[in-house]
Amino acid sequence: MSSTSTNDIEEVAAVEIVPVADINGSTSEANGNPTGSEQLPVAQILPRQTEIKEEVQHPVASAPTQNGHGDTAAPPPTEHLSRPAESMATVNQNGHTNGHTNGGHTNGHGTNGTALPQNGTTATPADPSKPVLLVLCTSSTAPGHVLPLCELTRHLVSKCGYEATFVGGNQHRHLIAASGATFFPVHESLTLEKGPFRKWGMERARYEEGLPRMRQDFKTFFIGQIPGQFESTKSALLDIRRRYGCDREVLVINETMWFGYLPFKFGAPAPEGFFVEGNERKMPKSIGVNVTPLMLDSVDLPAMPLGLLPVEGQGGDRGAVRERDALIRDLLYKYVVKEAYDGFREHMKACGGTQVPDEWMINLSVTAHDATLQMCDEALEYPRSDLPPHVHFAGSLARRPVPQGYVFPEWWQRDVVAPAQEKRRHVVVVSQGTLARDYSMLVAPTVAALAGREDVLVIALLGKPGAELMPGILPPTEGGRDNIRVADFIPYDAVLAYADVMVFNAGYGGFVHCVVNGVPMVAAGLTEDKCEVAARAEWAGVGINLRTGRPSAFAIAAAVDTILASPDTYRARAKELALQVGKGDPLAVIEREVLALTGAN
């Protein structure tokens, strides 16, 4: 929700599918239960035990295979089960893999406006006395979850001297390579070519936004990936043992929406090569990293992800509110998402996890690890009296530099940078997101709301390099469009440096970027975790929650004008939060947590 699963489950669901809405903005929805929805059968993904040859040996030097385009071709995870792993990355002069598997080329940025730190800084040599890091991250399609994990990994590799293996999709191979980690491909059932993501994405469009679509997402994008994630995890662990030997300590860094490590936490046998004294197997410790709103149940908060705001109260009033919230949670788990609730446990047991607590999967994704880091400042989350002591607020990642080689639109200097010195008009940025690019939802109504105004410059971001507006997607406007600028892609941090308001789809990445840059926001999102993101923007006092994913032009204009007319409220609060968030250092936090769990020097 993104992402309860992702920053934006739309990023996972869309998979480059044609937007749901047609050119006029109408959608195809069904109130019933569309047929054809199915999960991946566990038996088709998990190999029979007799088919798995868990040989563990010391690293074997072998030449990388080539795919005909000069890129290093990584064998699929299933091949790693029965033979020594081939090198999946180029090898440097010290014999350590550096993860640059894309012919040495990386582009340094993703499609959601974020950029990894560029190469050229002095890197700390790999230290073989330190643990090997295994990074597990939801990597289905969009990079919303991958990029923060890449930034953390890059710091641990280049500044701290760790060696890392990063499990991900081939579409994110260049991002993973830029982090300095060795790329390890996900199981074929999680690839765009052979996985069910396109099918799931098309099916979800037939469900009404809100609870019906949320329930469908839980059944597919959440628990449907568990068998493939488990097999990817097991293969990567075996590969690490083959390359580094049985004596090297391993630490898992687990993005919380990757459920494939949890079976090991709940009793699944450890793979060969993970032993303590005697013949007892023991899995590596793990650090959870949560890059979505913290949707861990609490006695102090309403059920999530319904987008309900916490109620302030004391004494009897507070007790009544808690009873109400507990009742809603009970109804949610027993009826609304029961199929996913039970399905999660079934998948865990099929993967060998026989000791699964009777808990909602989102709770377990946070609490099962030895430590879990919430990637935001504490000021962006609701207060809780029952937050587990091993869950820590790491802070928000800092503003990122403009990617090397990026070229701004031809109007950028003239219409944005130069006028900023005189502040002749307000800048309003609108973005629908990075993959679910249905521009009729936000871009079109924002243009309709603000076109022709002399006091406002509108910058509409299409979310991906090379993206274009379909003919007729923008509505006719009486005042003309002289104040409208459209760009396929501008890095968020670059454009938000000049923005007065951001109109966005309530994705968590966009929310954090706005806070870091001190920009108030108009949040328009209803599905997945978007309603929770929009609720937090409202609660924190930095934005207006429109409580829909398809707002009218009138609603957008009213919200933008309210923010612009109230600089001492929304803008001041956004600047205040930016100062507070800017004091955090999540890179130092992840470094300390790794040291605390491993004792590495």
Foldseek 3Di string as FASTA:
>chain_A
DVCLPNLDCCQLQQLQPDFQADLVRDGAADADADPDDDFDPLPVQDDDPVLFALDFAEADADDFDDDVPQFGDADALVVLRPDAGYQQADADPVRAGQLQGGNVDAQQDFLFQAGADAPDDQFDAADQQAFEEEEEWDAQGGCRTVQVVLNLLLCCVGPVRHAYEYEYEPVCSRSNSRSRYHYHYFHPCSYPVNHCSNVLSVSLSHHDFFLRSQLSCLRYVQQSCQSRLLSSVLSVVSNCSRHSNLPHAYEYEYALSSCNCVLLLQAAQHGPSADDPDRHHDDHAYEYEYLHALQADALQAAHPDQLDAGDDDDDPVSVVSSVVRVVVNVCCCVPSNVVSLVSNVVSSVSNPRPRDDSDRSSNCSQPSGQAYEYAADPLLHDDGPDDDPRYYHQFHDAGHDFGPPDDDDPCCCVPFVVCLVVLQAAEEEEEAEARSQPCLQIVQLQCQLDAQDPRYAYEYERRGPPDDDDPSSHDDHPNHHPRYHYDPGHNLLVVLLRHQEYEYQQRSVNLSSQLLNLHAYEHAHRHDNSSVSLSSSVVLQQYHYPNHRRDHSVVSNVRVVVSVVCCVTNSVSSVVSNVVSVVGDSSVVVVVVSCVSGVDD
